Protein backbone atom coordinates (compact mmCIF):
# COMPACT_ATOMS: atom_id res chain seq x y z
CA MET A 1 11.78 -64.34 22.39
CA SER A 2 14.98 -63.25 23.68
CA LYS A 3 15.70 -59.37 22.87
CA ALA A 4 18.01 -57.08 22.73
CA LEU A 5 18.03 -53.45 23.13
CA ILE A 6 20.27 -50.83 21.04
CA ILE A 7 20.98 -47.80 22.46
CA VAL A 8 22.40 -45.61 19.46
CA ASP A 9 24.69 -42.40 20.22
CA VAL A 10 23.43 -41.35 22.74
CA GLN A 11 25.81 -38.55 23.32
CA PRO A 12 26.03 -34.79 24.10
CA THR A 13 27.85 -34.41 20.79
CA PHE A 14 24.21 -35.16 19.14
CA CYS A 15 22.46 -33.35 21.44
CA GLU A 16 21.27 -29.68 22.24
CA GLY A 17 24.69 -27.79 22.54
CA GLY A 18 26.94 -30.37 20.62
CA GLU A 19 28.44 -30.01 17.39
CA LEU A 20 26.29 -31.95 15.35
CA GLY A 21 23.00 -30.98 18.29
CA VAL A 22 19.33 -32.80 16.85
CA GLU A 23 16.14 -30.97 18.11
CA GLY A 24 14.93 -32.87 21.69
CA GLY A 25 18.62 -34.78 21.90
CA ASN A 26 18.62 -34.19 25.72
CA ALA A 27 14.80 -35.30 26.19
CA VAL A 28 15.25 -38.29 24.28
CA ALA A 29 17.96 -39.09 26.54
CA GLU A 30 16.08 -38.61 29.73
CA ARG A 31 13.14 -41.09 28.01
CA ILE A 32 15.40 -44.11 27.21
CA ALA A 33 16.74 -43.73 30.79
CA GLU A 34 13.45 -43.81 32.29
CA TYR A 35 12.43 -46.76 29.51
CA VAL A 36 15.49 -48.47 30.47
CA GLU A 37 14.99 -48.14 34.25
CA THR A 38 11.69 -49.50 34.49
CA HIS A 39 11.85 -52.29 31.17
CA ARG A 40 15.28 -53.18 31.55
CA ASN A 41 14.20 -56.92 32.84
CA GLU A 42 12.53 -57.29 29.37
CA TYR A 43 16.03 -57.89 27.79
CA SER A 44 18.56 -60.04 27.19
CA TYR A 45 21.28 -57.92 26.12
CA VAL A 46 21.85 -53.86 26.67
CA ALA A 47 24.41 -52.03 24.40
CA THR A 48 25.14 -48.62 23.35
CA THR A 49 27.17 -46.99 20.86
CA GLN A 50 29.41 -43.90 20.13
CA ASP A 51 30.85 -42.34 17.40
CA TRP A 52 34.36 -42.22 18.21
CA HIS A 53 36.38 -40.55 15.77
CA VAL A 54 39.81 -40.58 15.57
CA GLU A 55 40.63 -39.95 12.24
CA PRO A 56 37.91 -40.46 9.73
CA GLY A 57 39.22 -39.26 6.81
CA ARG A 58 36.51 -37.54 4.73
CA HIS A 59 33.52 -38.02 7.15
CA TRP A 60 35.08 -34.29 8.63
CA SER A 61 35.39 -31.28 6.78
CA ASP A 62 36.01 -28.04 7.36
CA ASP A 63 33.43 -27.24 4.43
CA PRO A 64 30.85 -30.21 5.14
CA ASP A 65 27.96 -30.66 2.82
CA TYR A 66 25.90 -32.49 5.70
CA VAL A 67 25.21 -35.25 3.57
CA ASP A 68 28.57 -37.17 3.34
CA THR A 69 30.30 -34.63 5.25
CA TRP A 70 30.35 -33.71 8.57
CA PRO A 71 31.63 -30.89 11.18
CA VAL A 72 33.80 -32.25 13.76
CA HIS A 73 31.85 -33.74 16.30
CA GLY A 74 31.98 -37.64 18.45
CA LYS A 75 36.07 -36.87 18.81
CA ALA A 76 37.86 -39.74 20.72
CA GLY A 77 38.17 -38.81 24.35
CA THR A 78 36.66 -35.83 24.53
CA ALA A 79 33.66 -34.91 26.57
CA ASN A 80 30.88 -35.05 23.90
CA ALA A 81 31.68 -38.13 22.25
CA GLY A 82 31.09 -39.30 26.09
CA LEU A 83 27.78 -41.03 26.74
CA HIS A 84 25.03 -38.51 27.56
CA PRO A 85 24.78 -38.12 31.57
CA ALA A 86 21.42 -39.88 31.71
CA ILE A 87 22.76 -42.57 29.69
CA ALA A 88 25.86 -43.07 31.80
CA ALA A 89 23.85 -43.10 34.81
CA LEU A 90 22.54 -46.67 33.48
CA GLY A 91 26.02 -48.37 34.24
CA ILE A 92 25.30 -50.86 30.44
CA GLY A 93 28.31 -53.32 30.30
CA HIS A 94 28.54 -52.79 26.98
CA HIS A 95 29.72 -50.42 24.61
CA PHE A 96 30.49 -50.21 20.78
CA LYS A 97 32.43 -47.99 19.94
CA LYS A 98 32.21 -46.98 15.86
CA GLY A 99 33.88 -44.64 13.32
CA GLN A 100 37.94 -44.40 14.67
CA TYR A 101 39.60 -44.55 10.91
CA SER A 102 36.57 -44.75 9.13
CA PRO A 103 33.12 -42.99 8.67
CA SER A 104 30.86 -45.07 10.11
CA TYR A 105 26.82 -45.42 10.90
CA SER A 106 25.73 -48.77 11.84
CA GLY A 107 26.13 -49.63 15.31
CA PHE A 108 27.10 -52.91 13.52
CA GLU A 109 29.99 -51.22 12.34
CA GLY A 110 31.16 -50.86 15.68
CA LEU A 111 33.36 -52.58 17.68
CA GLU A 112 33.15 -53.32 22.20
CA ASP A 113 35.42 -51.38 23.95
CA ASN A 114 34.33 -50.57 27.08
CA THR A 115 37.04 -48.04 27.93
CA ASP A 116 37.57 -44.39 26.95
CA ARG A 117 41.15 -45.14 25.46
CA ILE A 118 41.72 -43.78 22.34
CA PRO A 119 43.10 -46.94 19.84
CA THR A 120 45.32 -46.69 17.10
CA ARG A 121 44.40 -48.16 13.95
CA GLU A 122 45.99 -51.51 14.93
CA GLU A 123 44.20 -52.06 17.72
CA VAL A 124 41.03 -51.14 15.73
CA ALA A 125 42.25 -54.01 13.06
CA ALA A 126 42.99 -56.42 16.11
CA ASP A 127 39.70 -56.16 17.29
CA LEU A 128 38.18 -56.41 14.32
CA THR A 129 40.45 -59.50 14.01
CA ALA A 130 39.08 -60.91 17.16
CA GLY A 131 35.32 -60.74 16.25
CA ARG A 132 34.14 -57.93 19.19
CA THR A 133 30.80 -57.22 17.03
CA LEU A 134 27.93 -56.14 17.49
CA ALA A 135 26.75 -58.64 15.54
CA ASN A 136 28.89 -61.71 17.07
CA ALA A 137 27.94 -60.31 20.43
CA LEU A 138 23.73 -60.63 19.54
CA GLU A 139 24.37 -63.98 18.29
CA ALA A 140 26.62 -65.32 21.22
CA ALA A 141 23.54 -63.73 23.72
CA GLY A 142 20.69 -66.35 21.60
CA ILE A 143 18.69 -62.72 20.39
CA THR A 144 15.92 -62.74 18.12
CA ARG A 145 14.31 -59.51 18.11
CA VAL A 146 16.28 -56.35 18.78
CA ASP A 147 14.47 -52.63 19.20
CA VAL A 148 16.72 -49.84 18.56
CA VAL A 149 16.51 -46.56 20.11
CA GLY A 150 18.95 -43.34 20.00
CA LEU A 151 20.16 -40.65 17.45
CA ALA A 152 19.24 -39.57 14.70
CA GLU A 153 16.29 -41.83 13.78
CA SER A 154 17.46 -40.53 9.98
CA HIS A 155 21.15 -41.83 10.10
CA CYS A 156 22.62 -44.16 12.74
CA VAL A 157 19.23 -45.38 14.34
CA LYS A 158 18.11 -45.85 10.58
CA GLU A 159 21.55 -47.67 9.65
CA THR A 160 21.74 -49.51 12.42
CA ALA A 161 17.88 -50.65 12.55
CA LEU A 162 18.69 -51.51 8.78
CA ASP A 163 21.65 -53.56 9.44
CA ALA A 164 19.87 -55.78 12.36
CA ARG A 165 16.99 -56.64 9.88
CA LYS A 166 19.64 -57.39 7.35
CA LEU A 167 21.56 -60.24 9.68
CA GLY A 168 17.51 -61.16 10.06
CA TYR A 169 15.92 -59.67 13.27
CA GLU A 170 12.81 -58.95 13.99
CA THR A 171 13.43 -55.09 14.08
CA HIS A 172 11.89 -52.90 16.19
CA VAL A 173 12.62 -49.49 16.45
CA ILE A 174 10.75 -47.01 19.69
CA GLU A 175 9.41 -44.11 17.86
CA GLU A 176 9.03 -41.74 21.34
CA LEU A 177 12.60 -42.43 21.90
CA THR A 178 14.76 -41.55 19.14
CA GLU A 179 14.54 -38.06 17.12
CA PRO A 180 15.61 -36.89 13.17
CA VAL A 181 17.61 -34.16 12.21
CA SER A 182 14.75 -32.85 10.89
CA GLU A 183 11.48 -34.54 10.01
CA GLU A 184 11.49 -34.18 5.56
CA LEU A 185 15.09 -36.87 7.21
CA GLY A 186 12.29 -38.85 8.87
CA VAL A 187 9.66 -39.28 7.00
CA ASP A 188 12.37 -40.58 4.37
CA ALA A 189 13.97 -42.90 6.92
CA ARG A 190 10.80 -44.35 8.21
CA ARG A 191 9.86 -45.55 4.48
CA GLN A 192 13.34 -47.10 4.05
CA MET A 193 12.55 -48.70 7.31
CA ARG A 194 9.40 -49.69 6.38
CA GLU A 195 10.08 -51.19 3.19
CA ALA A 196 13.00 -53.08 4.62
CA GLY A 197 10.39 -54.96 7.21
CA VAL A 198 11.12 -52.87 10.62
CA ILE A 199 8.43 -52.46 12.99
CA LEU A 200 7.86 -48.64 13.92
CA ASP A 201 6.70 -49.05 17.20
């Protein structure tokens, strides 16, 4: 079995002190870093995803409802949109930026960009046309199983896992390497994932 590890949105913007901080986010980052250090040889492919918003439309709001609209977060080019230092130190080679000019939750909506540039709409469209997607990367790597970790379980981790499952991958979410925005939302996310056939480890 050829496995991939997808580290979803472990960015300061989603950790304590960030614009949409998840309680326990910094601790999750440290646990993921330790996990990668000890289990990296088990994976054929490792990638990160990041919210990298430039102009995401209604996704940002001065009066957010925290369902479809949110405070400014993951702003491309800012320190808080970068990878958490514990994850950045791992030297991972594949980074998928998402939500540049639209709302985005799943890592499968991202495009591989291993720079810190702020892309134009035209550049994002060109990367999409060129097929620089996570789905294509996993296929090219011959992946059969996807493990998903990161932040937040109730949102982008869930959506990434559901998309991996839709694409036919054996999909696992490692519970000790993620946190939901709230326990209530976490319970609902775990229900949705189980019903879709995602394995919660």
